[in-house]
Amino acid sequence: MTAPAMLKNTTLRSDEFTCPSCVAKIENKLNGLDGVENAEVKFSSGRILVTHDPQKASVRDLVTAVAEVGYTAKPSAI
């Protein structure tokens, strides 16, 4: 029997969102990653909220995935 995953909530920030279609591209990319339970982009605040298993999807993996769809993101303390 395997232990349940320890999920972590990570907030990323990006100031590069210019339209609502940016939201869908980022959410689709992040939600497609192994280990991501949920990703939600807050267009108005530039925040990307991700619930993930850090053993499968590290913060670096999340930032890289956002970069792969053309946006820069960085971890946020808040």
N, C-alpha and C. Protein backbone atom coordinates (compact mmCIF):
# COMPACT_ATOMS: atom_id res chain seq x y z
N MET A 1 0.85 -1.18 0.00
CA MET A 1 0.00 0.00 0.00
C MET A 1 0.89 1.24 0.00
N THR A 2 0.59 2.17 -0.87
CA THR A 2 1.41 3.39 -0.94
C THR A 2 0.81 4.47 -0.07
N ALA A 3 1.69 5.33 0.44
CA ALA A 3 1.24 6.44 1.26
C ALA A 3 0.58 7.49 0.36
N PRO A 4 -0.41 8.19 0.90
CA PRO A 4 -1.05 9.24 0.10
C PRO A 4 -0.06 10.37 -0.19
N ALA A 5 -0.25 10.99 -1.33
CA ALA A 5 0.64 12.09 -1.72
C ALA A 5 0.46 13.26 -0.77
N MET A 6 1.57 13.92 -0.48
CA MET A 6 1.54 15.13 0.34
C MET A 6 1.46 16.30 -0.63
N LEU A 7 0.29 16.87 -0.76
CA LEU A 7 0.10 17.95 -1.71
C LEU A 7 0.55 19.28 -1.12
N LYS A 8 1.03 20.13 -2.00
CA LYS A 8 1.54 21.44 -1.61
C LYS A 8 0.81 22.49 -2.45
N ASN A 9 0.53 23.62 -1.85
CA ASN A 9 -0.04 24.75 -2.59
C ASN A 9 1.08 25.73 -2.90
N THR A 10 1.26 26.02 -4.17
CA THR A 10 2.30 26.95 -4.61
C THR A 10 1.65 28.08 -5.39
N THR A 11 2.11 29.29 -5.12
CA THR A 11 1.64 30.45 -5.87
C THR A 11 2.79 30.96 -6.73
N LEU A 12 2.53 31.07 -8.01
CA LEU A 12 3.47 31.68 -8.94
C LEU A 12 2.93 33.04 -9.34
N ARG A 13 3.81 33.93 -9.77
CA ARG A 13 3.39 35.25 -10.25
C ARG A 13 3.90 35.47 -11.65
N SER A 14 3.09 36.16 -12.44
CA SER A 14 3.50 36.58 -13.78
C SER A 14 2.79 37.88 -14.10
N ASP A 15 3.51 38.81 -14.72
CA ASP A 15 2.89 40.07 -15.12
C ASP A 15 2.73 40.12 -16.65
N GLU A 16 2.75 38.96 -17.27
CA GLU A 16 2.71 38.89 -18.73
C GLU A 16 1.35 38.52 -19.31
N PHE A 17 0.32 38.39 -18.48
CA PHE A 17 -1.00 38.05 -19.01
C PHE A 17 -1.57 39.25 -19.74
N THR A 18 -1.98 39.05 -20.97
CA THR A 18 -2.56 40.14 -21.74
C THR A 18 -3.99 39.88 -22.16
N CYS A 19 -4.43 38.64 -22.07
CA CYS A 19 -5.80 38.32 -22.49
C CYS A 19 -6.25 37.04 -21.80
N PRO A 20 -7.55 36.82 -21.74
CA PRO A 20 -8.07 35.61 -21.10
C PRO A 20 -7.58 34.31 -21.74
N SER A 21 -7.20 34.33 -23.02
CA SER A 21 -6.72 33.09 -23.63
C SER A 21 -5.39 32.66 -23.01
N CYS A 22 -4.64 33.60 -22.44
CA CYS A 22 -3.40 33.26 -21.72
C CYS A 22 -3.73 32.32 -20.57
N VAL A 23 -4.83 32.61 -19.90
CA VAL A 23 -5.26 31.82 -18.75
C VAL A 23 -5.45 30.36 -19.15
N ALA A 24 -6.19 30.14 -20.22
CA ALA A 24 -6.48 28.77 -20.66
C ALA A 24 -5.21 28.03 -21.05
N LYS A 25 -4.30 28.69 -21.76
CA LYS A 25 -3.06 28.04 -22.18
C LYS A 25 -2.25 27.58 -20.97
N ILE A 26 -2.13 28.45 -19.97
CA ILE A 26 -1.33 28.12 -18.79
C ILE A 26 -2.02 27.04 -17.96
N GLU A 27 -3.32 27.19 -17.73
CA GLU A 27 -4.04 26.19 -16.95
C GLU A 27 -3.99 24.82 -17.61
N ASN A 28 -4.18 24.76 -18.92
CA ASN A 28 -4.14 23.48 -19.63
C ASN A 28 -2.76 22.83 -19.51
N LYS A 29 -1.72 23.62 -19.66
CA LYS A 29 -0.35 23.08 -19.57
C LYS A 29 -0.08 22.54 -18.17
N LEU A 30 -0.38 23.34 -17.15
CA LEU A 30 -0.09 22.91 -15.78
C LEU A 30 -0.97 21.74 -15.36
N ASN A 31 -2.24 21.78 -15.70
CA ASN A 31 -3.14 20.68 -15.32
C ASN A 31 -2.80 19.38 -16.03
N GLY A 32 -2.02 19.45 -17.11
CA GLY A 32 -1.59 18.26 -17.82
C GLY A 32 -0.33 17.62 -17.25
N LEU A 33 0.30 18.29 -16.29
CA LEU A 33 1.52 17.75 -15.70
C LEU A 33 1.21 16.65 -14.69
N ASP A 34 2.01 15.60 -14.72
CA ASP A 34 1.89 14.55 -13.71
C ASP A 34 2.21 15.16 -12.35
N GLY A 35 1.35 14.94 -11.39
CA GLY A 35 1.58 15.46 -10.04
C GLY A 35 0.82 16.74 -9.73
N VAL A 36 0.21 17.35 -10.75
CA VAL A 36 -0.57 18.56 -10.51
C VAL A 36 -2.03 18.16 -10.30
N GLU A 37 -2.54 18.50 -9.15
CA GLU A 37 -3.94 18.22 -8.82
C GLU A 37 -4.85 19.29 -9.40
N ASN A 38 -4.43 20.55 -9.32
CA ASN A 38 -5.24 21.65 -9.83
C ASN A 38 -4.36 22.87 -10.06
N ALA A 39 -4.63 23.58 -11.14
CA ALA A 39 -3.96 24.84 -11.43
C ALA A 39 -5.01 25.85 -11.84
N GLU A 40 -4.93 27.03 -11.24
CA GLU A 40 -5.91 28.07 -11.52
C GLU A 40 -5.17 29.39 -11.68
N VAL A 41 -5.41 30.06 -12.80
CA VAL A 41 -4.78 31.35 -13.07
C VAL A 41 -5.76 32.46 -12.70
N LYS A 42 -5.27 33.40 -11.92
CA LYS A 42 -6.05 34.59 -11.55
C LYS A 42 -5.58 35.73 -12.45
N PHE A 43 -6.32 35.98 -13.51
CA PHE A 43 -5.94 36.94 -14.54
C PHE A 43 -5.69 38.33 -13.96
N SER A 44 -6.60 38.82 -13.13
CA SER A 44 -6.50 40.20 -12.65
C SER A 44 -5.32 40.44 -11.71
N SER A 45 -4.92 39.43 -10.96
CA SER A 45 -3.82 39.61 -10.00
C SER A 45 -2.48 39.07 -10.50
N GLY A 46 -2.50 38.34 -11.62
CA GLY A 46 -1.26 37.78 -12.14
C GLY A 46 -0.75 36.59 -11.33
N ARG A 47 -1.64 35.97 -10.59
CA ARG A 47 -1.25 34.82 -9.77
C ARG A 47 -1.66 33.52 -10.43
N ILE A 48 -0.83 32.51 -10.22
CA ILE A 48 -1.11 31.16 -10.68
C ILE A 48 -1.08 30.28 -9.43
N LEU A 49 -2.22 29.73 -9.07
CA LEU A 49 -2.34 28.91 -7.87
C LEU A 49 -2.31 27.45 -8.28
N VAL A 50 -1.36 26.70 -7.72
CA VAL A 50 -1.17 25.30 -8.11
C VAL A 50 -1.15 24.41 -6.88
N THR A 51 -1.97 23.38 -6.91
CA THR A 51 -1.94 22.33 -5.89
C THR A 51 -1.27 21.14 -6.55
N HIS A 52 -0.15 20.69 -5.95
CA HIS A 52 0.64 19.65 -6.61
C HIS A 52 1.38 18.79 -5.60
N ASP A 53 1.82 17.64 -6.09
CA ASP A 53 2.67 16.73 -5.33
C ASP A 53 4.11 17.12 -5.67
N PRO A 54 4.85 17.73 -4.74
CA PRO A 54 6.20 18.20 -5.04
C PRO A 54 7.19 17.08 -5.38
N GLN A 55 6.83 15.83 -5.08
CA GLN A 55 7.68 14.72 -5.46
C GLN A 55 7.58 14.42 -6.95
N LYS A 56 6.46 14.79 -7.56
CA LYS A 56 6.25 14.54 -8.98
C LYS A 56 6.37 15.81 -9.82
N ALA A 57 5.96 16.93 -9.26
CA ALA A 57 6.00 18.21 -9.99
C ALA A 57 6.58 19.27 -9.06
N SER A 58 7.85 19.56 -9.24
CA SER A 58 8.51 20.55 -8.40
C SER A 58 8.12 21.96 -8.83
N VAL A 59 8.46 22.93 -8.00
CA VAL A 59 8.21 24.33 -8.37
C VAL A 59 8.95 24.66 -9.66
N ARG A 60 10.14 24.14 -9.81
CA ARG A 60 10.90 24.35 -11.05
C ARG A 60 10.15 23.78 -12.25
N ASP A 61 9.55 22.61 -12.08
CA ASP A 61 8.75 22.01 -13.16
C ASP A 61 7.57 22.92 -13.54
N LEU A 62 6.95 23.52 -12.54
CA LEU A 62 5.81 24.41 -12.79
C LEU A 62 6.25 25.64 -13.57
N VAL A 63 7.35 26.26 -13.14
CA VAL A 63 7.88 27.45 -13.81
C VAL A 63 8.27 27.11 -15.25
N THR A 64 8.89 25.95 -15.44
CA THR A 64 9.30 25.51 -16.78
C THR A 64 8.08 25.30 -17.67
N ALA A 65 7.03 24.70 -17.14
CA ALA A 65 5.82 24.45 -17.92
C ALA A 65 5.19 25.77 -18.38
N VAL A 66 5.17 26.76 -17.50
CA VAL A 66 4.63 28.07 -17.88
C VAL A 66 5.50 28.68 -18.99
N ALA A 67 6.81 28.54 -18.86
CA ALA A 67 7.73 29.06 -19.89
C ALA A 67 7.50 28.37 -21.24
N GLU A 68 7.17 27.10 -21.21
CA GLU A 68 6.95 26.34 -22.45
C GLU A 68 5.75 26.84 -23.26
N VAL A 69 4.83 27.54 -22.60
CA VAL A 69 3.70 28.13 -23.34
C VAL A 69 3.90 29.63 -23.56
N GLY A 70 5.10 30.12 -23.25
CA GLY A 70 5.46 31.48 -23.63
C GLY A 70 5.37 32.56 -22.58
N TYR A 71 5.31 32.18 -21.31
CA TYR A 71 5.18 33.18 -20.25
C TYR A 71 6.24 32.95 -19.18
N THR A 72 6.63 34.04 -18.54
CA THR A 72 7.59 33.95 -17.44
C THR A 72 6.82 33.96 -16.13
N ALA A 73 7.17 33.05 -15.24
CA ALA A 73 6.55 33.01 -13.91
C ALA A 73 7.64 32.77 -12.89
N LYS A 74 7.38 33.22 -11.68
CA LYS A 74 8.32 32.97 -10.60
C LYS A 74 7.54 32.68 -9.33
N PRO A 75 8.13 31.94 -8.41
CA PRO A 75 7.45 31.64 -7.15
C PRO A 75 7.16 32.93 -6.39
N SER A 76 6.04 32.96 -5.71
CA SER A 76 5.64 34.12 -4.93
C SER A 76 5.55 33.73 -3.47
N ALA A 77 5.98 34.63 -2.59
CA ALA A 77 5.90 34.37 -1.16
C ALA A 77 4.46 34.49 -0.68
N ILE A 78 3.64 35.19 -1.43
CA ILE A 78 2.24 35.41 -1.02
C ILE A 78 1.32 34.86 -2.08
